[in-house]
Amino acid sequence: MRHESKNASNVNWLVPRIMSRELNLQPLFVFGCLAFAFFAGCSDATWYLDPGFAERKAEKDNRPLVYYFKSFDSTLHRNMYWKVLKTGSVKSELRDTINVELEFGFFDDREKRYGVKKAQTCVFAAPDGSKVGDALSVNPVPTPQEFLAWLRAEKAKWKDLQPTNKQPANDEPGSDATGG
């Protein structure tokens, strides 16, 4: 005598209905995909591979740039990626910057512009492309706390360079608030 569980009979009921489209699961499928995208995809910082696009986006959004000059086939890069850049606190801190991954040796113009001499180097730049502060060599791979300290210090330097939006005081004699 063969024993079937309750769940086996449920599967025998469900599969034919899915296949015949008697049971409409499309809204559930769409909701599941959106939930997955929100929780899985939206939690990471975005990294761009096209520096031209990233620089235009940084200027448009007035957000600073973080360049990561890497050597793709390097163990150092894999360690940096998994042990530092995938850390929750680092991902969170990188969400308000435009992040650019550049393969070292392929972007000579940017390497010269920022004075990068070797792979595994991070550079922080203003939206207009001007370098802010000092580059960080990530060889050896820093701890997430060391990388965060560098990133936060560079962000603070960049914010100090920003013009204030305060209205200048009108110190002319004889002027008043009514303009008359």
N, C-alpha and C. Protein backbone atom coordinates (compact mmCIF):
# COMPACT_ATOMS: atom_id res chain seq x y z
N MET A 1 0.84 -1.17 0.00
CA MET A 1 0.00 0.00 0.00
C MET A 1 0.89 1.24 0.00
N ARG A 2 0.57 2.17 -0.85
CA ARG A 2 1.38 3.38 -0.99
C ARG A 2 0.78 4.49 -0.14
N HIS A 3 1.66 5.23 0.54
CA HIS A 3 1.20 6.31 1.40
C HIS A 3 1.54 7.65 0.75
N GLU A 4 0.57 8.53 0.61
CA GLU A 4 0.80 9.88 0.09
C GLU A 4 0.52 10.87 1.20
N SER A 5 1.33 11.89 1.24
CA SER A 5 1.11 12.94 2.24
C SER A 5 0.03 13.90 1.75
N LYS A 6 -0.42 14.74 2.64
CA LYS A 6 -1.42 15.75 2.28
C LYS A 6 -0.87 16.70 1.22
N ASN A 7 0.41 17.05 1.35
CA ASN A 7 1.01 17.99 0.41
C ASN A 7 1.09 17.42 -1.00
N ALA A 8 1.28 16.13 -1.13
CA ALA A 8 1.35 15.52 -2.45
C ALA A 8 0.02 15.69 -3.17
N SER A 9 -1.09 15.54 -2.46
CA SER A 9 -2.39 15.71 -3.11
C SER A 9 -2.61 17.17 -3.48
N ASN A 10 -2.08 18.10 -2.70
CA ASN A 10 -2.18 19.52 -3.05
C ASN A 10 -1.40 19.83 -4.32
N VAL A 11 -0.25 19.22 -4.45
CA VAL A 11 0.56 19.43 -5.65
C VAL A 11 -0.16 18.84 -6.86
N ASN A 12 -0.76 17.68 -6.68
CA ASN A 12 -1.50 17.07 -7.78
C ASN A 12 -2.68 17.94 -8.21
N TRP A 13 -3.23 18.72 -7.33
CA TRP A 13 -4.32 19.63 -7.65
C TRP A 13 -3.80 20.91 -8.30
N LEU A 14 -2.66 21.43 -7.82
CA LEU A 14 -2.15 22.72 -8.24
C LEU A 14 -1.50 22.69 -9.62
N VAL A 15 -0.69 21.70 -9.88
CA VAL A 15 0.07 21.66 -11.13
C VAL A 15 -0.82 21.68 -12.37
N PRO A 16 -1.87 20.86 -12.44
CA PRO A 16 -2.71 20.93 -13.65
C PRO A 16 -3.40 22.28 -13.84
N ARG A 17 -3.74 22.93 -12.74
CA ARG A 17 -4.41 24.23 -12.85
C ARG A 17 -3.44 25.33 -13.31
N ILE A 18 -2.20 25.26 -12.86
CA ILE A 18 -1.19 26.21 -13.34
C ILE A 18 -0.95 26.00 -14.82
N MET A 19 -0.81 24.76 -15.21
CA MET A 19 -0.54 24.44 -16.61
C MET A 19 -1.71 24.83 -17.51
N SER A 20 -2.94 24.69 -17.04
CA SER A 20 -4.11 25.02 -17.87
C SER A 20 -4.51 26.49 -17.71
N ARG A 21 -3.80 27.23 -16.91
CA ARG A 21 -4.06 28.65 -16.65
C ARG A 21 -5.43 28.87 -16.00
N GLU A 22 -5.93 27.84 -15.36
CA GLU A 22 -7.17 27.97 -14.63
C GLU A 22 -6.98 28.85 -13.40
N LEU A 23 -5.77 28.79 -12.85
CA LEU A 23 -5.43 29.56 -11.67
C LEU A 23 -4.50 30.68 -12.12
N ASN A 24 -4.92 31.91 -12.02
CA ASN A 24 -4.14 33.05 -12.51
C ASN A 24 -3.14 33.50 -11.45
N LEU A 25 -1.88 33.14 -11.66
CA LEU A 25 -0.82 33.51 -10.71
C LEU A 25 0.03 34.67 -11.22
N GLN A 26 -0.37 35.28 -12.31
CA GLN A 26 0.43 36.37 -12.88
C GLN A 26 0.63 37.52 -11.90
N PRO A 27 -0.42 38.01 -11.22
CA PRO A 27 -0.18 39.10 -10.26
C PRO A 27 0.77 38.70 -9.13
N LEU A 28 0.65 37.47 -8.67
CA LEU A 28 1.54 36.98 -7.62
C LEU A 28 2.97 36.90 -8.12
N PHE A 29 3.16 36.45 -9.35
CA PHE A 29 4.49 36.37 -9.94
C PHE A 29 5.11 37.76 -10.08
N VAL A 30 4.35 38.73 -10.58
CA VAL A 30 4.84 40.10 -10.74
C VAL A 30 5.21 40.68 -9.38
N PHE A 31 4.34 40.48 -8.39
CA PHE A 31 4.64 40.98 -7.05
C PHE A 31 5.91 40.34 -6.49
N GLY A 32 6.07 39.05 -6.71
CA GLY A 32 7.28 38.36 -6.25
C GLY A 32 8.53 38.90 -6.91
N CYS A 33 8.47 39.16 -8.20
CA CYS A 33 9.63 39.73 -8.91
C CYS A 33 9.97 41.12 -8.39
N LEU A 34 8.95 41.95 -8.18
CA LEU A 34 9.19 43.29 -7.66
C LEU A 34 9.76 43.25 -6.25
N ALA A 35 9.24 42.36 -5.42
CA ALA A 35 9.77 42.22 -4.06
C ALA A 35 11.22 41.77 -4.09
N PHE A 36 11.53 40.82 -4.96
CA PHE A 36 12.92 40.36 -5.07
C PHE A 36 13.82 41.50 -5.53
N ALA A 37 13.39 42.26 -6.53
CA ALA A 37 14.19 43.38 -7.03
C ALA A 37 14.41 44.42 -5.95
N PHE A 38 13.38 44.69 -5.17
CA PHE A 38 13.50 45.69 -4.11
C PHE A 38 14.47 45.24 -3.03
N PHE A 39 14.31 44.02 -2.56
CA PHE A 39 15.13 43.57 -1.45
C PHE A 39 16.52 43.11 -1.87
N ALA A 40 16.67 42.60 -3.06
CA ALA A 40 17.97 42.10 -3.49
C ALA A 40 18.74 43.14 -4.28
N GLY A 41 18.10 43.76 -5.24
CA GLY A 41 18.81 44.67 -6.14
C GLY A 41 18.98 46.07 -5.60
N CYS A 42 18.03 46.55 -4.85
CA CYS A 42 18.07 47.94 -4.41
C CYS A 42 18.94 48.13 -3.19
N SER A 43 19.41 47.07 -2.59
CA SER A 43 20.18 47.22 -1.36
C SER A 43 21.65 47.54 -1.63
N ASP A 44 22.12 47.25 -2.83
CA ASP A 44 23.53 47.51 -3.15
C ASP A 44 23.74 48.93 -3.67
N ALA A 45 24.95 49.41 -3.49
CA ALA A 45 25.35 50.65 -4.14
C ALA A 45 25.54 50.33 -5.62
N THR A 46 25.25 51.29 -6.48
CA THR A 46 25.38 51.09 -7.91
C THR A 46 26.80 51.40 -8.35
N TRP A 47 27.37 50.52 -9.15
CA TRP A 47 28.70 50.72 -9.72
C TRP A 47 28.58 50.79 -11.24
N TYR A 48 29.12 51.84 -11.81
CA TYR A 48 29.08 52.03 -13.27
C TYR A 48 30.42 51.62 -13.87
N LEU A 49 30.35 51.09 -15.09
CA LEU A 49 31.55 50.68 -15.81
C LEU A 49 31.90 51.68 -16.92
N ASP A 50 30.98 52.58 -17.25
CA ASP A 50 31.19 53.60 -18.27
C ASP A 50 31.48 54.92 -17.58
N PRO A 51 32.75 55.35 -17.55
CA PRO A 51 33.08 56.56 -16.80
C PRO A 51 32.44 57.82 -17.39
N GLY A 52 32.27 57.88 -18.70
CA GLY A 52 31.64 59.05 -19.31
C GLY A 52 30.21 59.22 -18.83
N PHE A 53 29.45 58.13 -18.83
CA PHE A 53 28.07 58.18 -18.34
C PHE A 53 28.04 58.57 -16.86
N ALA A 54 28.91 57.95 -16.07
CA ALA A 54 28.93 58.22 -14.63
C ALA A 54 29.27 59.69 -14.35
N GLU A 55 30.20 60.25 -15.09
CA GLU A 55 30.59 61.65 -14.88
C GLU A 55 29.45 62.60 -15.26
N ARG A 56 28.74 62.29 -16.35
CA ARG A 56 27.58 63.12 -16.72
C ARG A 56 26.49 63.03 -15.65
N LYS A 57 26.27 61.83 -15.15
CA LYS A 57 25.26 61.63 -14.10
C LYS A 57 25.65 62.36 -12.82
N ALA A 58 26.92 62.32 -12.47
CA ALA A 58 27.40 63.00 -11.26
C ALA A 58 27.18 64.51 -11.37
N GLU A 59 27.48 65.07 -12.53
CA GLU A 59 27.28 66.51 -12.72
C GLU A 59 25.80 66.86 -12.68
N LYS A 60 24.99 66.04 -13.34
CA LYS A 60 23.54 66.30 -13.38
C LYS A 60 22.94 66.22 -11.98
N ASP A 61 23.33 65.21 -11.21
CA ASP A 61 22.76 64.99 -9.88
C ASP A 61 23.52 65.72 -8.77
N ASN A 62 24.64 66.37 -9.11
CA ASN A 62 25.51 67.04 -8.14
C ASN A 62 25.91 66.09 -7.01
N ARG A 63 26.43 64.93 -7.42
CA ARG A 63 26.90 63.93 -6.46
C ARG A 63 28.36 63.64 -6.74
N PRO A 64 29.15 63.43 -5.70
CA PRO A 64 30.58 63.14 -5.91
C PRO A 64 30.80 61.75 -6.51
N LEU A 65 31.99 61.57 -7.06
CA LEU A 65 32.38 60.32 -7.71
C LEU A 65 33.37 59.55 -6.85
N VAL A 66 33.24 58.25 -6.84
CA VAL A 66 34.24 57.36 -6.25
C VAL A 66 34.73 56.47 -7.39
N TYR A 67 36.01 56.63 -7.74
CA TYR A 67 36.62 55.79 -8.77
C TYR A 67 37.36 54.66 -8.09
N TYR A 68 37.18 53.46 -8.61
CA TYR A 68 37.91 52.30 -8.11
C TYR A 68 38.68 51.72 -9.30
N PHE A 69 39.99 51.98 -9.31
CA PHE A 69 40.87 51.44 -10.36
C PHE A 69 41.29 50.05 -9.90
N LYS A 70 40.82 49.05 -10.60
CA LYS A 70 40.99 47.67 -10.16
C LYS A 70 41.74 46.85 -11.20
N SER A 71 42.16 45.70 -10.79
CA SER A 71 42.68 44.68 -11.69
C SER A 71 41.73 43.50 -11.54
N PHE A 72 40.89 43.31 -12.56
CA PHE A 72 39.77 42.38 -12.45
C PHE A 72 40.18 40.97 -12.04
N ASP A 73 41.29 40.49 -12.55
CA ASP A 73 41.69 39.11 -12.28
C ASP A 73 42.53 38.96 -11.01
N SER A 74 42.53 39.97 -10.20
CA SER A 74 43.36 39.97 -9.00
C SER A 74 42.60 39.43 -7.79
N THR A 75 43.31 38.70 -6.95
CA THR A 75 42.75 38.25 -5.69
C THR A 75 42.44 39.45 -4.80
N LEU A 76 43.26 40.50 -4.91
CA LEU A 76 43.01 41.71 -4.13
C LEU A 76 41.66 42.31 -4.49
N HIS A 77 41.34 42.32 -5.79
CA HIS A 77 40.04 42.87 -6.21
C HIS A 77 38.89 42.03 -5.65
N ARG A 78 39.00 40.72 -5.75
CA ARG A 78 37.94 39.86 -5.22
C ARG A 78 37.78 40.07 -3.72
N ASN A 79 38.89 40.17 -2.99
CA ASN A 79 38.81 40.40 -1.54
C ASN A 79 38.21 41.77 -1.24
N MET A 80 38.61 42.79 -2.00
CA MET A 80 38.04 44.13 -1.81
C MET A 80 36.54 44.09 -2.06
N TYR A 81 36.15 43.43 -3.11
CA TYR A 81 34.74 43.36 -3.47
C TYR A 81 33.91 42.66 -2.40
N TRP A 82 34.33 41.46 -1.99
CA TRP A 82 33.53 40.66 -1.07
C TRP A 82 33.68 41.07 0.40
N LYS A 83 34.88 41.48 0.80
CA LYS A 83 35.12 41.76 2.21
C LYS A 83 34.90 43.22 2.60
N VAL A 84 34.91 44.13 1.61
CA VAL A 84 34.75 45.55 1.93
C VAL A 84 33.52 46.13 1.24
N LEU A 85 33.48 46.08 -0.08
CA LEU A 85 32.41 46.77 -0.82
C LEU A 85 31.04 46.12 -0.63
N LYS A 86 30.99 44.86 -0.28
CA LYS A 86 29.72 44.17 -0.05
C LYS A 86 29.28 44.24 1.41
N THR A 87 30.04 44.90 2.25
CA THR A 87 29.69 45.07 3.65
C THR A 87 28.54 46.08 3.75
N GLY A 88 27.59 45.80 4.60
CA GLY A 88 26.39 46.65 4.71
C GLY A 88 26.68 48.11 4.96
N SER A 89 27.57 48.43 5.87
CA SER A 89 27.86 49.83 6.19
C SER A 89 28.54 50.54 5.02
N VAL A 90 29.39 49.83 4.29
CA VAL A 90 30.07 50.43 3.13
C VAL A 90 29.06 50.64 2.01
N LYS A 91 28.22 49.64 1.74
CA LYS A 91 27.19 49.78 0.71
C LYS A 91 26.30 50.97 1.01
N SER A 92 25.92 51.10 2.26
CA SER A 92 25.05 52.20 2.67
C SER A 92 25.72 53.56 2.43
N GLU A 93 27.00 53.65 2.76
CA GLU A 93 27.73 54.91 2.60
C GLU A 93 27.97 55.25 1.13
N LEU A 94 28.02 54.24 0.27
CA LEU A 94 28.27 54.47 -1.16
C LEU A 94 27.00 54.76 -1.95
N ARG A 95 25.85 54.71 -1.32
CA ARG A 95 24.59 54.94 -2.05
C ARG A 95 24.42 56.38 -2.51
N ASP A 96 25.04 57.34 -1.84
CA ASP A 96 24.86 58.74 -2.25
C ASP A 96 26.04 59.27 -3.07
N THR A 97 26.87 58.37 -3.57
CA THR A 97 27.95 58.75 -4.48
C THR A 97 27.75 58.04 -5.81
N ILE A 98 28.39 58.56 -6.85
CA ILE A 98 28.39 57.88 -8.14
C ILE A 98 29.67 57.05 -8.16
N ASN A 99 29.54 55.74 -8.22
CA ASN A 99 30.66 54.82 -8.09
C ASN A 99 31.04 54.27 -9.46
N VAL A 100 32.34 54.32 -9.75
CA VAL A 100 32.82 53.91 -11.07
C VAL A 100 33.95 52.89 -10.89
N GLU A 101 33.78 51.71 -11.50
CA GLU A 101 34.83 50.69 -11.53
C GLU A 101 35.58 50.82 -12.84
N LEU A 102 36.87 51.00 -12.78
CA LEU A 102 37.70 51.12 -13.97
C LEU A 102 38.79 50.08 -13.95
N GLU A 103 38.94 49.37 -15.04
CA GLU A 103 40.02 48.39 -15.17
C GLU A 103 41.32 49.16 -15.36
N PHE A 104 42.26 48.96 -14.45
CA PHE A 104 43.54 49.67 -14.52
C PHE A 104 44.25 49.32 -15.82
N GLY A 105 44.77 50.34 -16.49
CA GLY A 105 45.48 50.14 -17.74
C GLY A 105 44.64 50.41 -18.97
N PHE A 106 43.33 50.55 -18.79
CA PHE A 106 42.44 50.80 -19.92
C PHE A 106 41.95 52.24 -19.98
N PHE A 107 42.16 53.01 -18.94
CA PHE A 107 41.67 54.38 -18.87
C PHE A 107 42.82 55.32 -18.53
N ASP A 108 43.78 55.41 -19.46
CA ASP A 108 44.99 56.20 -19.23
C ASP A 108 44.70 57.65 -18.91
N ASP A 109 43.70 58.25 -19.58
CA ASP A 109 43.38 59.65 -19.35
C ASP A 109 42.97 59.90 -17.90
N ARG A 110 42.18 59.03 -17.35
CA ARG A 110 41.74 59.20 -15.96
C ARG A 110 42.85 58.83 -14.97
N GLU A 111 43.66 57.86 -15.33
CA GLU A 111 44.78 57.51 -14.47
C GLU A 111 45.74 58.69 -14.36
N LYS A 112 46.00 59.37 -15.48
CA LYS A 112 46.88 60.55 -15.47
C LYS A 112 46.23 61.70 -14.71
N ARG A 113 44.92 61.91 -14.95
CA ARG A 113 44.20 63.01 -14.30
C ARG A 113 44.27 62.90 -12.79
N TYR A 114 44.15 61.68 -12.26
CA TYR A 114 44.12 61.50 -10.81
C TYR A 114 45.43 61.00 -10.22
N GLY A 115 46.45 60.86 -11.04
CA GLY A 115 47.75 60.44 -10.55
C GLY A 115 47.79 59.00 -10.07
N VAL A 116 47.00 58.13 -10.66
CA VAL A 116 46.96 56.73 -10.25
C VAL A 116 48.09 55.98 -10.94
N LYS A 117 48.96 55.37 -10.16
CA LYS A 117 50.14 54.68 -10.68
C LYS A 117 50.01 53.16 -10.68
N LYS A 118 49.03 52.63 -9.92
CA LYS A 118 48.90 51.18 -9.83
C LYS A 118 47.44 50.81 -9.59
N ALA A 119 47.14 49.55 -9.88
CA ALA A 119 45.79 49.04 -9.65
C ALA A 119 45.49 49.00 -8.16
N GLN A 120 44.23 48.79 -7.87
CA GLN A 120 43.74 48.72 -6.50
C GLN A 120 43.89 50.08 -5.80
N THR A 121 43.37 51.11 -6.47
CA THR A 121 43.41 52.47 -5.93
C THR A 121 42.02 53.07 -6.03
N CYS A 122 41.60 53.77 -4.99
CA CYS A 122 40.33 54.48 -4.98
C CYS A 122 40.59 55.98 -4.95
N VAL A 123 39.80 56.72 -5.72
CA VAL A 123 39.92 58.17 -5.82
C VAL A 123 38.54 58.77 -5.61
N PHE A 124 38.48 59.85 -4.86
CA PHE A 124 37.23 60.58 -4.62
C PHE A 124 37.31 61.88 -5.41
N ALA A 125 36.25 62.18 -6.18
CA ALA A 125 36.26 63.38 -7.02
C ALA A 125 34.94 64.12 -6.90
N ALA A 126 35.00 65.43 -7.12
CA ALA A 126 33.81 66.27 -7.14
C ALA A 126 33.03 65.97 -8.43
N PRO A 127 31.77 66.39 -8.49
CA PRO A 127 30.98 66.14 -9.70
C PRO A 127 31.59 66.69 -10.98
N ASP A 128 32.39 67.74 -10.88
CA ASP A 128 33.02 68.30 -12.08
C ASP A 128 34.28 67.54 -12.47
N GLY A 129 34.63 66.51 -11.72
CA GLY A 129 35.78 65.67 -12.04
C GLY A 129 37.06 66.05 -11.33
N SER A 130 37.06 67.14 -10.56
CA SER A 130 38.28 67.53 -9.87
C SER A 130 38.50 66.63 -8.65
N LYS A 131 39.74 66.24 -8.45
CA LYS A 131 40.10 65.33 -7.36
C LYS A 131 39.92 66.02 -6.01
N VAL A 132 39.38 65.29 -5.06
CA VAL A 132 39.20 65.79 -3.70
C VAL A 132 40.05 64.91 -2.79
N GLY A 133 40.93 65.52 -2.03
CA GLY A 133 41.71 64.77 -1.06
C GLY A 133 42.73 63.83 -1.66
N ASP A 134 43.07 62.80 -0.90
CA ASP A 134 44.10 61.86 -1.28
C ASP A 134 43.48 60.55 -1.76
N ALA A 135 44.17 59.92 -2.72
CA ALA A 135 43.74 58.60 -3.18
C ALA A 135 44.03 57.58 -2.08
N LEU A 136 43.30 56.48 -2.13
CA LEU A 136 43.48 55.41 -1.16
C LEU A 136 43.93 54.16 -1.88
N SER A 137 45.11 53.65 -1.51
CA SER A 137 45.57 52.38 -2.05
C SER A 137 44.87 51.28 -1.27
N VAL A 138 44.22 50.37 -1.99
CA VAL A 138 43.55 49.26 -1.33
C VAL A 138 44.35 47.98 -1.54
N ASN A 139 45.67 48.14 -1.52
CA ASN A 139 46.61 47.03 -1.59
C ASN A 139 47.61 47.23 -0.46
N PRO A 140 47.48 46.55 0.63
CA PRO A 140 46.59 45.45 0.95
C PRO A 140 45.15 45.95 1.18
N VAL A 141 44.23 45.03 1.10
CA VAL A 141 42.81 45.35 1.24
C VAL A 141 42.56 45.90 2.64
N PRO A 142 41.93 47.08 2.72
CA PRO A 142 41.65 47.65 4.05
C PRO A 142 40.47 46.94 4.71
N THR A 143 40.31 47.17 5.97
CA THR A 143 39.11 46.68 6.65
C THR A 143 37.95 47.59 6.23
N PRO A 144 36.73 47.13 6.38
CA PRO A 144 35.60 48.00 6.07
C PRO A 144 35.64 49.32 6.87
N GLN A 145 36.10 49.24 8.11
CA GLN A 145 36.17 50.44 8.95
C GLN A 145 37.21 51.43 8.40
N GLU A 146 38.35 50.94 7.93
CA GLU A 146 39.37 51.82 7.34
C GLU A 146 38.86 52.46 6.06
N PHE A 147 38.18 51.68 5.22
CA PHE A 147 37.64 52.23 3.98
C PHE A 147 36.56 53.27 4.30
N LEU A 148 35.69 52.97 5.27
CA LEU A 148 34.65 53.93 5.66
C LEU A 148 35.25 55.22 6.20
N ALA A 149 36.30 55.13 6.98
CA ALA A 149 36.94 56.32 7.52
C ALA A 149 37.46 57.20 6.38
N TRP A 150 38.12 56.58 5.39
CA TRP A 150 38.60 57.34 4.23
C TRP A 150 37.43 57.97 3.47
N LEU A 151 36.40 57.18 3.20
CA LEU A 151 35.26 57.66 2.42
C LEU A 151 34.55 58.82 3.13
N ARG A 152 34.34 58.69 4.41
CA ARG A 152 33.66 59.76 5.17
C ARG A 152 34.51 61.02 5.24
N ALA A 153 35.82 60.86 5.37
CA ALA A 153 36.71 62.03 5.38
C ALA A 153 36.69 62.75 4.04
N GLU A 154 36.68 61.99 2.95
CA GLU A 154 36.63 62.59 1.61
C GLU A 154 35.30 63.29 1.38
N LYS A 155 34.22 62.68 1.84
CA LYS A 155 32.90 63.33 1.71
C LYS A 155 32.87 64.64 2.49
N ALA A 156 33.46 64.64 3.67
CA ALA A 156 33.50 65.87 4.48
C ALA A 156 34.31 66.95 3.77
N LYS A 157 35.45 66.59 3.17
CA LYS A 157 36.24 67.57 2.42
C LYS A 157 35.44 68.13 1.26
N TRP A 158 34.72 67.26 0.56
CA TRP A 158 33.91 67.71 -0.57
C TRP A 158 32.80 68.65 -0.11
N LYS A 159 32.14 68.33 0.99
CA LYS A 159 31.07 69.20 1.51
C LYS A 159 31.61 70.55 1.93
N ASP A 160 32.84 70.58 2.46
CA ASP A 160 33.46 71.86 2.83
C ASP A 160 33.74 72.73 1.61
N LEU A 161 33.95 72.11 0.45
CA LEU A 161 34.20 72.86 -0.77
C LEU A 161 32.93 73.42 -1.41
N GLN A 162 31.77 72.93 -0.96
CA GLN A 162 30.51 73.36 -1.55
C GLN A 162 30.19 74.79 -1.14
N PRO A 163 29.72 75.60 -2.10
CA PRO A 163 29.31 76.95 -1.73
C PRO A 163 28.05 76.90 -0.87
N THR A 164 27.95 77.82 0.05
CA THR A 164 26.76 77.87 0.90
C THR A 164 25.66 78.57 0.14
N ASN A 165 24.43 78.24 0.45
CA ASN A 165 23.28 78.82 -0.23
C ASN A 165 22.68 79.99 0.55
N LYS A 166 23.46 80.59 1.42
CA LYS A 166 22.95 81.71 2.22
C LYS A 166 22.91 82.96 1.36
N GLN A 167 21.90 83.78 1.59
CA GLN A 167 21.78 85.05 0.90
C GLN A 167 22.77 86.04 1.52
N PRO A 168 23.51 86.79 0.68
CA PRO A 168 24.43 87.77 1.24
C PRO A 168 23.64 88.89 1.91
N ALA A 169 24.20 89.36 3.00
CA ALA A 169 23.55 90.45 3.73
C ALA A 169 23.69 91.74 2.92
N ASN A 170 22.66 92.56 2.94
CA ASN A 170 22.68 93.83 2.23
C ASN A 170 23.18 94.89 3.20
N ASP A 171 24.44 95.28 3.05
CA ASP A 171 25.08 96.23 3.98
C ASP A 171 25.10 97.66 3.44
N GLU A 172 24.39 97.92 2.36
CA GLU A 172 24.40 99.28 1.82
C GLU A 172 23.66 100.22 2.73
N PRO A 173 24.24 101.41 2.97
CA PRO A 173 23.53 102.36 3.84
C PRO A 173 22.31 102.91 3.11
N GLY A 174 21.27 103.13 3.86
CA GLY A 174 20.08 103.74 3.29
C GLY A 174 19.12 102.74 2.66
N SER A 175 19.49 101.48 2.61
CA SER A 175 18.55 100.51 2.03
C SER A 175 17.71 99.92 3.16
N ASP A 176 16.51 99.58 2.83
CA ASP A 176 15.66 98.93 3.81
C ASP A 176 14.97 97.74 3.17
N ALA A 177 14.20 97.02 3.94
CA ALA A 177 13.59 95.79 3.48
C ALA A 177 12.51 96.04 2.44
N THR A 178 11.92 97.24 2.41
CA THR A 178 10.82 97.50 1.47
C THR A 178 11.34 97.92 0.12
N GLY A 179 12.61 98.18 -0.02
CA GLY A 179 13.19 98.53 -1.30
C GLY A 179 13.00 99.99 -1.65
N GLY A 180 12.57 100.83 -0.75
CA GLY A 180 12.25 102.19 -1.11
C GLY A 180 13.11 103.15 -0.47
